[in-house]
Amino acid sequence: SMVKRRRLLELLVCPVCRHDTAGPSGLARRGADLECVRCRANYPAIGATHSVLREPVDQPKTSTLLEQYVLAQFPDRAASSRLAKRLAVNQRLMGWIDRALTKQGAIKGRCIELGCGPGAYGAIWRRHAAFTVLVDIRQDFAESAAAFWARDKRVAALHADAHDPPFRAACFALAAAMNVLDATTEPWLLLGQMDALLKPGGLALITLPYSANLGGP
């Protein structure tokens, strides 16, 4: 929608030149694509979203991981009751996060989720934040999230790199990384980017599926 597009453009900057204008955005629409108003870098449309990367990244050739993510949100579709019980842990986590944010009070501003997968957690963020941006480095995840939330004015999805997020600094009230730090080779860089994205007093929400993932250098 026009409203969602405008809200997203207000936050975006070009990851190539990091041009941050005083106007609505450093990026402008050029047909279906986005273009930097300064360096003219082009960011193509993909499905219901855009790919805003400094440079292209290799994408996986199978959708096995995507299938696992989808199953994790819908354990009733699992092939066995044992698998359904294991996958339902994710839904219990979602319930816990929802209750914790309710106790925290309304999020006064925007939310960003880095490494959003197909976007299931958007159902939580939209209940607590004015506007939510879902980000994933995998194109299939970003497209899946964008398609799922296409009709919702309060949730947008973007194909982008959490290590080099194309957003203005300090423009989010909540930054979330759900089971992402263990899936990246640079967890400390990701934490630093979350800190940069948060406005003063903002809330970082981080979960890890294992207890010792950051024990290395």
Protein backbone atom coordinates (compact mmCIF):
# COMPACT_ATOMS: atom_id res chain seq x y z
CA SER A 1 0.00 0.00 0.00
CA MET A 2 1.01 3.63 -0.40
CA VAL A 3 1.00 4.16 3.38
CA LYS A 4 3.32 1.23 4.05
CA ARG A 5 5.62 2.21 1.17
CA ARG A 6 5.93 5.75 2.52
CA ARG A 7 6.63 4.52 6.04
CA LEU A 8 9.39 2.23 4.79
CA LEU A 9 11.00 4.85 2.52
CA GLU A 10 11.22 7.23 5.48
CA LEU A 11 13.61 4.78 7.16
CA LEU A 12 15.81 3.65 4.28
CA VAL A 13 19.28 4.80 3.27
CA CYS A 14 21.52 3.54 0.49
CA PRO A 15 23.87 0.77 1.75
CA VAL A 16 26.41 1.72 -0.95
CA CYS A 17 26.97 5.42 -0.16
CA ARG A 18 24.98 5.69 3.11
CA HIS A 19 23.52 8.98 1.84
CA ASP A 20 21.09 10.30 4.44
CA THR A 21 19.16 13.29 3.11
CA ALA A 22 17.23 15.83 5.10
CA GLY A 23 14.18 14.92 3.05
CA PRO A 24 11.89 11.90 3.27
CA SER A 25 14.50 9.32 2.22
CA GLY A 26 17.84 8.65 0.59
CA LEU A 27 16.04 6.26 -1.76
CA ALA A 28 13.34 7.03 -4.30
CA ARG A 29 11.07 4.90 -6.46
CA ARG A 30 12.11 4.38 -10.08
CA GLY A 31 9.35 2.34 -11.65
CA ALA A 32 9.05 -0.81 -9.59
CA ASP A 33 12.61 -0.49 -8.22
CA LEU A 34 14.28 1.80 -5.68
CA GLU A 35 17.19 4.09 -6.56
CA CYS A 36 19.62 6.13 -4.46
CA VAL A 37 19.12 9.85 -5.09
CA ARG A 38 22.87 10.42 -4.75
CA CYS A 39 24.89 7.53 -6.21
CA ARG A 40 22.07 6.08 -8.38
CA ALA A 41 22.54 2.56 -7.04
CA ASN A 42 19.54 0.43 -8.05
CA TYR A 43 17.63 -1.90 -5.73
CA PRO A 44 15.26 -4.20 -7.63
CA ALA A 45 11.76 -5.21 -6.69
CA ILE A 46 11.33 -8.86 -5.74
CA GLY A 47 7.72 -9.94 -5.39
CA ALA A 48 6.03 -7.70 -2.82
CA THR A 49 9.31 -6.25 -1.51
CA HIS A 50 12.76 -4.99 -2.59
CA SER A 51 16.32 -6.25 -2.41
CA VAL A 52 18.39 -3.52 -0.73
CA LEU A 53 21.89 -5.00 -0.55
CA ARG A 54 25.32 -3.42 -1.02
CA GLU A 55 26.13 -6.33 -3.34
CA PRO A 56 24.35 -9.55 -4.36
CA VAL A 57 24.74 -12.60 -2.12
CA ASP A 58 24.63 -16.28 -3.00
CA GLN A 59 21.24 -17.76 -2.22
CA PRO A 60 20.64 -21.39 -1.16
CA LYS A 61 19.36 -23.66 -3.91
CA THR A 62 16.88 -25.61 -1.75
CA SER A 63 13.90 -24.60 0.35
CA THR A 64 14.45 -27.21 3.08
CA LEU A 65 15.24 -24.61 5.72
CA LEU A 66 12.23 -22.54 4.75
CA GLU A 67 10.03 -25.61 5.17
CA GLN A 68 11.46 -26.15 8.67
CA TYR A 69 10.74 -22.53 9.60
CA VAL A 70 7.17 -22.76 8.36
CA LEU A 71 6.60 -26.00 10.28
CA ALA A 72 7.94 -24.33 13.41
CA GLN A 73 5.08 -21.84 13.23
CA PHE A 74 2.44 -24.49 12.52
CA PRO A 75 3.30 -27.65 14.52
CA ASP A 76 -0.12 -29.16 13.76
CA ARG A 77 1.15 -29.76 10.21
CA ALA A 78 4.11 -31.85 11.35
CA ALA A 79 4.37 -35.43 10.14
CA SER A 80 4.33 -36.95 13.63
CA SER A 81 3.11 -36.02 17.13
CA ARG A 82 6.69 -36.22 18.39
CA LEU A 83 7.87 -33.68 15.83
CA ALA A 84 4.84 -31.49 16.54
CA LYS A 85 5.69 -31.44 20.25
CA ARG A 86 9.26 -30.37 19.53
CA LEU A 87 8.23 -27.66 17.07
CA ALA A 88 5.57 -26.32 19.45
CA VAL A 89 8.40 -24.98 21.62
CA ASN A 90 8.61 -22.10 19.15
CA GLN A 91 4.97 -21.22 19.68
CA ARG A 92 5.47 -21.26 23.45
CA LEU A 93 8.37 -18.85 22.97
CA MET A 94 6.13 -16.56 20.92
CA GLY A 95 3.56 -16.60 23.71
CA TRP A 96 6.19 -15.76 26.32
CA ILE A 97 7.48 -12.82 24.24
CA ASP A 98 3.96 -11.50 23.76
CA ARG A 99 3.32 -11.56 27.52
CA ALA A 100 6.69 -9.95 28.28
CA LEU A 101 6.04 -7.10 25.87
CA THR A 102 2.56 -6.62 27.32
CA LYS A 103 4.14 -6.14 30.76
CA GLN A 104 6.69 -3.77 29.23
CA GLY A 105 3.92 -1.55 27.90
CA ALA A 106 3.28 -0.18 24.42
CA ILE A 107 6.35 0.26 22.22
CA LYS A 108 6.52 3.98 21.51
CA GLY A 109 7.75 3.81 17.94
CA ARG A 110 8.85 1.32 15.30
CA CYS A 111 10.11 -2.25 15.49
CA ILE A 112 12.67 -4.10 13.38
CA GLU A 113 13.29 -7.85 13.32
CA LEU A 114 16.65 -8.92 11.90
CA GLY A 115 16.66 -12.43 10.45
CA CYS A 116 12.88 -12.66 10.30
CA GLY A 117 12.55 -15.94 8.38
CA PRO A 118 9.13 -16.11 6.73
CA GLY A 119 7.81 -13.46 9.11
CA ALA A 120 5.71 -15.33 11.68
CA TYR A 121 6.89 -13.15 14.58
CA GLY A 122 5.37 -10.17 12.81
CA ALA A 123 2.11 -11.18 14.48
CA ILE A 124 3.68 -10.26 17.83
CA TRP A 125 5.46 -7.05 16.83
CA ARG A 126 2.39 -5.55 15.15
CA ARG A 127 0.44 -5.86 18.42
CA HIS A 128 2.98 -3.75 20.30
CA ALA A 129 4.62 -1.36 17.80
CA ALA A 130 3.27 1.32 15.48
CA PHE A 131 5.15 -0.04 12.46
CA THR A 132 7.34 -3.12 11.93
CA VAL A 133 10.06 -3.91 9.40
CA LEU A 134 11.04 -7.55 8.86
CA VAL A 135 14.51 -8.16 7.39
CA ASP A 136 16.20 -11.29 6.09
CA ILE A 137 19.30 -11.99 4.00
CA ARG A 138 17.56 -14.94 2.34
CA GLN A 139 15.48 -13.82 -0.61
CA ASP A 140 12.95 -16.63 -0.23
CA PHE A 141 12.34 -15.69 3.42
CA ALA A 142 12.00 -12.00 2.62
CA GLU A 143 9.56 -12.71 -0.21
CA SER A 144 7.57 -15.09 1.97
CA ALA A 145 7.29 -12.51 4.76
CA ALA A 146 6.38 -9.74 2.31
CA ALA A 147 3.67 -11.85 0.69
CA PHE A 148 2.20 -12.90 4.04
CA TRP A 149 1.97 -9.31 5.31
CA ALA A 150 1.20 -7.69 1.93
CA ARG A 151 -2.22 -6.41 3.02
CA ASP A 152 -1.14 -5.18 6.45
CA LYS A 153 -0.20 -1.49 6.58
CA ARG A 154 1.74 -1.94 9.81
CA VAL A 155 4.20 -4.65 8.68
CA ALA A 156 6.73 -4.43 5.84
CA ALA A 157 9.45 -6.90 4.77
CA LEU A 158 12.79 -6.25 3.09
CA HIS A 159 15.54 -8.38 1.55
CA ALA A 160 18.59 -6.89 3.28
CA ASP A 161 21.70 -7.72 5.30
CA ALA A 162 21.46 -7.46 9.09
CA HIS A 163 25.23 -6.86 9.19
CA ASP A 164 24.80 -3.81 6.94
CA PRO A 165 21.18 -2.71 7.44
CA PRO A 166 20.00 0.02 5.03
CA PHE A 167 18.29 2.14 7.68
CA ARG A 168 18.79 5.47 9.39
CA ALA A 169 20.47 5.26 12.78
CA ALA A 170 18.42 5.40 15.98
CA CYS A 171 15.02 5.10 14.33
CA PHE A 172 13.60 2.00 16.03
CA ALA A 173 12.15 1.59 19.51
CA LEU A 174 12.49 -2.22 19.42
CA ALA A 175 15.09 -4.37 17.67
CA ALA A 176 14.68 -8.14 17.72
CA ALA A 177 16.92 -11.04 16.69
CA MET A 178 15.16 -14.35 17.22
CA ASN A 179 17.60 -17.29 17.18
CA VAL A 180 19.84 -15.41 14.76
CA LEU A 181 23.12 -14.81 16.60
CA ASP A 182 24.03 -18.50 16.37
CA ALA A 183 23.38 -18.45 12.61
CA THR A 184 25.86 -15.71 11.78
CA THR A 185 29.66 -15.71 11.64
CA GLU A 186 29.74 -12.17 13.07
CA PRO A 187 27.41 -12.08 16.09
CA TRP A 188 29.17 -9.09 17.67
CA LEU A 189 28.75 -7.06 14.49
CA LEU A 190 25.05 -7.93 14.49
CA LEU A 191 24.74 -6.78 18.11
CA GLY A 192 26.50 -3.54 17.22
CA GLN A 193 24.10 -2.93 14.34
CA MET A 194 21.12 -3.55 16.63
CA ASP A 195 22.53 -0.97 19.04
CA ALA A 196 22.98 1.55 16.21
CA LEU A 197 19.42 1.04 14.98
CA LEU A 198 17.86 1.61 18.40
CA LYS A 199 16.88 5.05 19.57
CA PRO A 200 17.99 6.05 23.12
CA GLY A 201 16.05 3.98 25.63
CA GLY A 202 15.09 1.42 22.96
CA LEU A 203 14.59 -2.25 23.69
CA ALA A 204 16.69 -5.10 22.26
CA LEU A 205 15.05 -8.53 22.27
CA ILE A 206 17.40 -11.46 21.63
CA THR A 207 16.85 -15.21 21.89
CA LEU A 208 19.30 -18.07 21.42
CA PRO A 209 18.40 -21.74 20.93
CA TYR A 210 21.62 -22.83 22.67
CA SER A 211 23.34 -21.67 25.85
CA ALA A 212 26.99 -21.48 24.76
CA ASN A 213 26.93 -20.11 21.22
CA LEU A 214 28.89 -16.93 21.97
CA GLY A 215 31.60 -18.68 23.96
CA GLY A 216 34.14 -18.34 21.15
CA PRO A 217 36.18 -15.30 20.09
